[in-house]
Amino acid sequence: MELSEHPLGMVFKAIVRPAEEGGFWGEVPALPGCVSQGETQEELLENLKESAIGWLEASQDEDEL
């Protein structure tokens, strides 16, 4: 799956897997540690978008130090 609509116009691939306890979990391999979960695939993708944006913002902040 692709994560799009990032404010910077970036697109990332996401790996989505079913969670043992129900729902889904996923990760963005290009952003180490960028993982999230959701009850539905749609919720998961929204959560991953937020995680990816947070990851990129934190990375940008570190570059400014």
PDB file of N, CA and C in Angstrom:
ATOM      1  N   MET A   1       0.844  -1.175   0.000  1.00  0.00           N
ATOM      2  CA  MET A   1       0.000   0.000   0.000  1.00  0.00           C
ATOM      3  C   MET A   1       0.888   1.236   0.000  1.00  0.00           C
ATOM      4  N   GLU A   2       0.374   2.308  -0.513  1.00  0.00           N
ATOM      5  CA  GLU A   2       1.119   3.560  -0.537  1.00  0.00           C
ATOM      6  C   GLU A   2       0.468   4.566   0.393  1.00  0.00           C
ATOM      7  N   LEU A   3       1.300   5.298   1.096  1.00  0.00           N
ATOM      8  CA  LEU A   3       0.830   6.421   1.908  1.00  0.00           C
ATOM      9  C   LEU A   3       1.048   7.673   1.098  1.00  0.00           C
ATOM     10  N   SER A   4      -0.002   8.391   0.835  1.00  0.00           N
ATOM     11  CA  SER A   4       0.145   9.624   0.055  1.00  0.00           C
ATOM     12  C   SER A   4      -0.475  10.775   0.829  1.00  0.00           C
ATOM     13  N   GLU A   5      -0.610  11.895   0.168  1.00  0.00           N
ATOM     14  CA  GLU A   5      -1.195  13.100   0.737  1.00  0.00           C
ATOM     15  C   GLU A   5      -0.337  13.707   1.838  1.00  0.00           C
ATOM     16  N   HIS A   6       0.947  13.416   1.836  1.00  0.00           N
ATOM     17  CA  HIS A   6       1.840  14.057   2.796  1.00  0.00           C
ATOM     18  C   HIS A   6       2.001  15.510   2.376  1.00  0.00           C
ATOM     19  N   PRO A   7       2.077  16.425   3.331  1.00  0.00           N
ATOM     20  CA  PRO A   7       2.213  17.843   2.989  1.00  0.00           C
ATOM     21  C   PRO A   7       3.390  18.135   2.071  1.00  0.00           C
ATOM     22  N   LEU A   8       4.436  17.332   2.133  1.00  0.00           N
ATOM     23  CA  LEU A   8       5.591  17.551   1.276  1.00  0.00           C
ATOM     24  C   LEU A   8       5.443  16.848  -0.072  1.00  0.00           C
ATOM     25  N   GLY A   9       4.307  16.188  -0.288  1.00  0.00           N
ATOM     26  CA  GLY A   9       4.070  15.496  -1.547  1.00  0.00           C
ATOM     27  C   GLY A   9       4.810  14.175  -1.662  1.00  0.00           C
ATOM     28  N   MET A  10       5.298  13.647  -0.556  1.00  0.00           N
ATOM     29  CA  MET A  10       6.042  12.398  -0.569  1.00  0.00           C
ATOM     30  C   MET A  10       5.095  11.207  -0.550  1.00  0.00           C
ATOM     31  N   VAL A  11       5.538  10.101  -1.136  1.00  0.00           N
ATOM     32  CA  VAL A  11       4.777   8.857  -1.124  1.00  0.00           C
ATOM     33  C   VAL A  11       5.684   7.765  -0.564  1.00  0.00           C
ATOM     34  N   PHE A  12       5.162   6.997   0.383  1.00  0.00           N
ATOM     35  CA  PHE A  12       5.923   5.912   1.000  1.00  0.00           C
ATOM     36  C   PHE A  12       5.148   4.613   0.877  1.00  0.00           C
ATOM     37  N   LYS A  13       5.868   3.523   0.778  1.00  0.00           N
ATOM     38  CA  LYS A  13       5.267   2.191   0.800  1.00  0.00           C
ATOM     39  C   LYS A  13       5.063   1.777   2.243  1.00  0.00           C
ATOM     40  N   ALA A  14       3.938   1.126   2.514  1.00  0.00           N
ATOM     41  CA  ALA A  14       3.645   0.613   3.845  1.00  0.00           C
ATOM     42  C   ALA A  14       3.382  -0.883   3.751  1.00  0.00           C
ATOM     43  N   ILE A  15       3.859  -1.607   4.732  1.00  0.00           N
ATOM     44  CA  ILE A  15       3.563  -3.030   4.843  1.00  0.00           C
ATOM     45  C   ILE A  15       2.470  -3.174   5.890  1.00  0.00           C
ATOM     46  N   VAL A  16       1.369  -3.817   5.504  1.00  0.00           N
ATOM     47  CA  VAL A  16       0.217  -3.986   6.384  1.00  0.00           C
ATOM     48  C   VAL A  16       0.057  -5.472   6.685  1.00  0.00           C
ATOM     49  N   ARG A  17      -0.131  -5.782   7.974  1.00  0.00           N
ATOM     50  CA  ARG A  17      -0.294  -7.169   8.393  1.00  0.00           C
ATOM     51  C   ARG A  17      -1.475  -7.277   9.359  1.00  0.00           C
ATOM     52  N   PRO A  18      -2.150  -8.412   9.360  1.00  0.00           N
ATOM     53  CA  PRO A  18      -3.189  -8.609  10.381  1.00  0.00           C
ATOM     54  C   PRO A  18      -2.549  -8.791  11.748  1.00  0.00           C
ATOM     55  N   ALA A  19      -3.181  -8.238  12.758  1.00  0.00           N
ATOM     56  CA  ALA A  19      -2.691  -8.385  14.136  1.00  0.00           C
ATOM     57  C   ALA A  19      -3.327  -9.628  14.754  1.00  0.00           C
ATOM     58  N   GLU A  20      -2.576 -10.346  15.570  1.00  0.00           N
ATOM     59  CA  GLU A  20      -3.082 -11.567  16.205  1.00  0.00           C
ATOM     60  C   GLU A  20      -4.337 -11.310  17.031  1.00  0.00           C
ATOM     61  N   GLU A  21      -4.391 -10.166  17.694  1.00  0.00           N
ATOM     62  CA  GLU A  21      -5.526  -9.849  18.575  1.00  0.00           C
ATOM     63  C   GLU A  21      -6.687  -9.200  17.825  1.00  0.00           C
ATOM     64  N   GLY A  22      -6.564  -9.089  16.520  1.00  0.00           N
ATOM     65  CA  GLY A  22      -7.582  -8.442  15.697  1.00  0.00           C
ATOM     66  C   GLY A  22      -7.083  -7.102  15.207  1.00  0.00           C
ATOM     67  N   GLY A  23      -7.662  -6.623  14.155  1.00  0.00           N
ATOM     68  CA  GLY A  23      -7.222  -5.374  13.570  1.00  0.00           C
ATOM     69  C   GLY A  23      -5.973  -5.587  12.724  1.00  0.00           C
ATOM     70  N   PHE A  24      -5.219  -4.524  12.545  1.00  0.00           N
ATOM     71  CA  PHE A  24      -4.049  -4.555  11.676  1.00  0.00           C
ATOM     72  C   PHE A  24      -2.911  -3.767  12.293  1.00  0.00           C
ATOM     73  N   TRP A  25      -1.701  -4.098  11.897  1.00  0.00           N
ATOM     74  CA  TRP A  25      -0.531  -3.298  12.239  1.00  0.00           C
ATOM     75  C   TRP A  25       0.277  -3.127  10.972  1.00  0.00           C
ATOM     76  N   GLY A  26       1.073  -2.069  10.936  1.00  0.00           N
ATOM     77  CA  GLY A  26       1.850  -1.811   9.735  1.00  0.00           C
ATOM     78  C   GLY A  26       3.096  -1.018  10.038  1.00  0.00           C
ATOM     79  N   GLU A  27       3.947  -0.953   9.029  1.00  0.00           N
ATOM     80  CA  GLU A  27       5.198  -0.220   9.157  1.00  0.00           C
ATOM     81  C   GLU A  27       5.542   0.431   7.828  1.00  0.00           C
ATOM     82  N   VAL A  28       6.366   1.455   7.914  1.00  0.00           N
ATOM     83  CA  VAL A  28       6.904   2.132   6.739  1.00  0.00           C
ATOM     84  C   VAL A  28       8.393   1.809   6.724  1.00  0.00           C
ATOM     85  N   PRO A  29       8.811   0.834   5.907  1.00  0.00           N
ATOM     86  CA  PRO A  29      10.207   0.386   5.931  1.00  0.00           C
ATOM     87  C   PRO A  29      11.233   1.494   5.675  1.00  0.00           C
ATOM     88  N   ALA A  30      10.891   2.498   4.904  1.00  0.00           N
ATOM     89  CA  ALA A  30      11.832   3.576   4.601  1.00  0.00           C
ATOM     90  C   ALA A  30      12.088   4.483   5.802  1.00  0.00           C
ATOM     91  N   LEU A  31      11.237   4.374   6.834  1.00  0.00           N
ATOM     92  CA  LEU A  31      11.357   5.213   8.030  1.00  0.00           C
ATOM     93  C   LEU A  31      11.509   4.288   9.237  1.00  0.00           C
ATOM     94  N   PRO A  32      12.725   3.929   9.616  1.00  0.00           N
ATOM     95  CA  PRO A  32      12.943   2.977  10.707  1.00  0.00           C
ATOM     96  C   PRO A  32      12.192   3.349  11.980  1.00  0.00           C
ATOM     97  N   GLY A  33      11.442   2.395  12.498  1.00  0.00           N
ATOM     98  CA  GLY A  33      10.684   2.617  13.722  1.00  0.00           C
ATOM     99  C   GLY A  33       9.318   3.214  13.499  1.00  0.00           C
ATOM    100  N   CYS A  34       8.954   3.500  12.265  1.00  0.00           N
ATOM    101  CA  CYS A  34       7.641   4.085  11.959  1.00  0.00           C
ATOM    102  C   CYS A  34       6.627   2.955  11.832  1.00  0.00           C
ATOM    103  N   VAL A  35       5.916   2.693  12.923  1.00  0.00           N
ATOM    104  CA  VAL A  35       4.922   1.630  12.978  1.00  0.00           C
ATOM    105  C   VAL A  35       3.650   2.173  13.610  1.00  0.00           C
ATOM    106  N   SER A  36       2.541   1.479  13.354  1.00  0.00           N
ATOM    107  CA  SER A  36       1.281   1.864  13.978  1.00  0.00           C
ATOM    108  C   SER A  36       0.321   0.697  13.873  1.00  0.00           C
ATOM    109  N   GLN A  37      -0.889   0.901  14.395  1.00  0.00           N
ATOM    110  CA  GLN A  37      -1.917  -0.135  14.353  1.00  0.00           C
ATOM    111  C   GLN A  37      -3.280   0.526  14.191  1.00  0.00           C
ATOM    112  N   GLY A  38      -4.277  -0.286  13.857  1.00  0.00           N
ATOM    113  CA  GLY A  38      -5.641   0.211  13.724  1.00  0.00           C
ATOM    114  C   GLY A  38      -6.613  -0.945  13.671  1.00  0.00           C
ATOM    115  N   GLU A  39      -7.860  -0.671  14.008  1.00  0.00           N
ATOM    116  CA  GLU A  39      -8.884  -1.707  13.967  1.00  0.00           C
ATOM    117  C   GLU A  39      -9.255  -2.083  12.531  1.00  0.00           C
ATOM    118  N   THR A  40      -9.154  -1.117  11.614  1.00  0.00           N
ATOM    119  CA  THR A  40      -9.430  -1.359  10.197  1.00  0.00           C
ATOM    120  C   THR A  40      -8.204  -0.936   9.397  1.00  0.00           C
ATOM    121  N   GLN A  41      -8.141  -1.366   8.138  1.00  0.00           N
ATOM    122  CA  GLN A  41      -7.026  -0.942   7.293  1.00  0.00           C
ATOM    123  C   GLN A  41      -7.048   0.566   7.091  1.00  0.00           C
ATOM    124  N   GLU A  42      -8.227   1.135   6.970  1.00  0.00           N
ATOM    125  CA  GLU A  42      -8.336   2.587   6.792  1.00  0.00           C
ATOM    126  C   GLU A  42      -7.800   3.334   8.006  1.00  0.00           C
ATOM    127  N   GLU A  43      -8.172   2.853   9.203  1.00  0.00           N
ATOM    128  CA  GLU A  43      -7.673   3.480  10.433  1.00  0.00           C
ATOM    129  C   GLU A  43      -6.162   3.320  10.522  1.00  0.00           C
ATOM    130  N   LEU A  44      -5.667   2.148  10.193  1.00  0.00           N
ATOM    131  CA  LEU A  44      -4.228   1.916  10.211  1.00  0.00           C
ATOM    132  C   LEU A  44      -3.511   2.885   9.284  1.00  0.00           C
ATOM    133  N   LEU A  45      -4.000   3.049   8.060  1.00  0.00           N
ATOM    134  CA  LEU A  45      -3.332   3.947   7.111  1.00  0.00           C
ATOM    135  C   LEU A  45      -3.337   5.386   7.601  1.00  0.00           C
ATOM    136  N   GLU A  46      -4.423   5.819   8.200  1.00  0.00           N
ATOM    137  CA  GLU A  46      -4.449   7.174   8.776  1.00  0.00           C
ATOM    138  C   GLU A  46      -3.418   7.294   9.891  1.00  0.00           C
ATOM    139  N   ASN A  47      -3.341   6.270  10.747  1.00  0.00           N
ATOM    140  CA  ASN A  47      -2.366   6.293  11.843  1.00  0.00           C
ATOM    141  C   ASN A  47      -0.936   6.258  11.317  1.00  0.00           C
ATOM    142  N   LEU A  48      -0.698   5.480  10.259  1.00  0.00           N
ATOM    143  CA  LEU A  48       0.638   5.441   9.669  1.00  0.00           C
ATOM    144  C   LEU A  48       1.014   6.777   9.042  1.00  0.00           C
ATOM    145  N   LYS A  49       0.046   7.455   8.428  1.00  0.00           N
ATOM    146  CA  LYS A  49       0.323   8.786   7.870  1.00  0.00           C
ATOM    147  C   LYS A  49       0.774   9.733   8.978  1.00  0.00           C
ATOM    148  N   GLU A  50       0.045   9.712  10.096  1.00  0.00           N
ATOM    149  CA  GLU A  50       0.417  10.571  11.223  1.00  0.00           C
ATOM    150  C   GLU A  50       1.798  10.206  11.757  1.00  0.00           C
ATOM    151  N   SER A  51       2.073   8.902  11.856  1.00  0.00           N
ATOM    152  CA  SER A  51       3.386   8.452  12.326  1.00  0.00           C
ATOM    153  C   SER A  51       4.492   8.891  11.380  1.00  0.00           C
ATOM    154  N   ALA A  52       4.252   8.769  10.074  1.00  0.00           N
ATOM    155  CA  ALA A  52       5.260   9.155   9.080  1.00  0.00           C
ATOM    156  C   ALA A  52       5.529  10.662   9.144  1.00  0.00           C
ATOM    157  N   ILE A  53       4.484  11.443   9.280  1.00  0.00           N
ATOM    158  CA  ILE A  53       4.663  12.892   9.384  1.00  0.00           C
ATOM    159  C   ILE A  53       5.460  13.228  10.640  1.00  0.00           C
ATOM    160  N   GLY A  54       5.114  12.589  11.765  1.00  0.00           N
ATOM    161  CA  GLY A  54       5.861  12.813  13.003  1.00  0.00           C
ATOM    162  C   GLY A  54       7.312  12.393  12.872  1.00  0.00           C
ATOM    163  N   TRP A  55       7.562  11.262  12.200  1.00  0.00           N
ATOM    164  CA  TRP A  55       8.922  10.777  11.991  1.00  0.00           C
ATOM    165  C   TRP A  55       9.712  11.792  11.182  1.00  0.00           C
ATOM    166  N   LEU A  56       9.122  12.284  10.103  1.00  0.00           N
ATOM    167  CA  LEU A  56       9.811  13.243   9.234  1.00  0.00           C
ATOM    168  C   LEU A  56      10.065  14.567   9.951  1.00  0.00           C
ATOM    169  N   GLU A  57       9.099  15.024  10.736  1.00  0.00           N
ATOM    170  CA  GLU A  57       9.281  16.270  11.486  1.00  0.00           C
ATOM    171  C   GLU A  57      10.388  16.116  12.522  1.00  0.00           C
ATOM    172  N   ALA A  58      10.412  14.969  13.227  1.00  0.00           N
ATOM    173  CA  ALA A  58      11.455  14.736  14.226  1.00  0.00           C
ATOM    174  C   ALA A  58      12.822  14.645  13.561  1.00  0.00           C
ATOM    175  N   SER A  59      12.873  14.015  12.422  1.00  0.00           N
ATOM    176  CA  SER A  59      14.131  13.885  11.683  1.00  0.00           C
ATOM    177  C   SER A  59      14.630  15.259  11.243  1.00  0.00           C
ATOM    178  N   GLN A  60      13.710  16.097  10.791  1.00  0.00           N
ATOM    179  CA  GLN A  60      14.060  17.442  10.356  1.00  0.00           C
ATOM    180  C   GLN A  60      14.563  18.259  11.543  1.00  0.00           C
ATOM    181  N   ASP A  61      13.917  18.103  12.712  1.00  0.00           N
ATOM    182  CA  ASP A  61      14.348  18.813  13.912  1.00  0.00           C
ATOM    183  C   ASP A  61      15.758  18.414  14.298  1.00  0.00           C
ATOM    184  N   GLU A  62      16.090  17.121  14.201  1.00  0.00           N
ATOM    185  CA  GLU A  62      17.431  16.656  14.532  1.00  0.00           C
ATOM    186  C   GLU A  62      18.464  17.233  13.587  1.00  0.00           C
ATOM    187  N   ASP A  63      18.108  17.378  12.308  1.00  0.00           N
ATOM    188  CA  ASP A  63      19.029  17.940  11.324  1.00  0.00           C
ATOM    189  C   ASP A  63      19.324  19.410  11.624  1.00  0.00           C
ATOM    190  N   GLU A  64      18.400  20.095  12.276  1.00  0.00           N
ATOM    191  CA  GLU A  64      18.572  21.511  12.569  1.00  0.00           C
ATOM    192  C   GLU A  64      19.468  21.737  13.780  1.00  0.00           C
ATOM    193  N   LEU A  65      19.690  20.690  14.588  1.00  0.00           N
ATOM    194  CA  LEU A  65      20.503  20.852  15.809  1.00  0.00           C
ATOM    195  C   LEU A  65      21.968  20.970  15.491  1.00  0.00           C
TER     196      LEU A  65
END
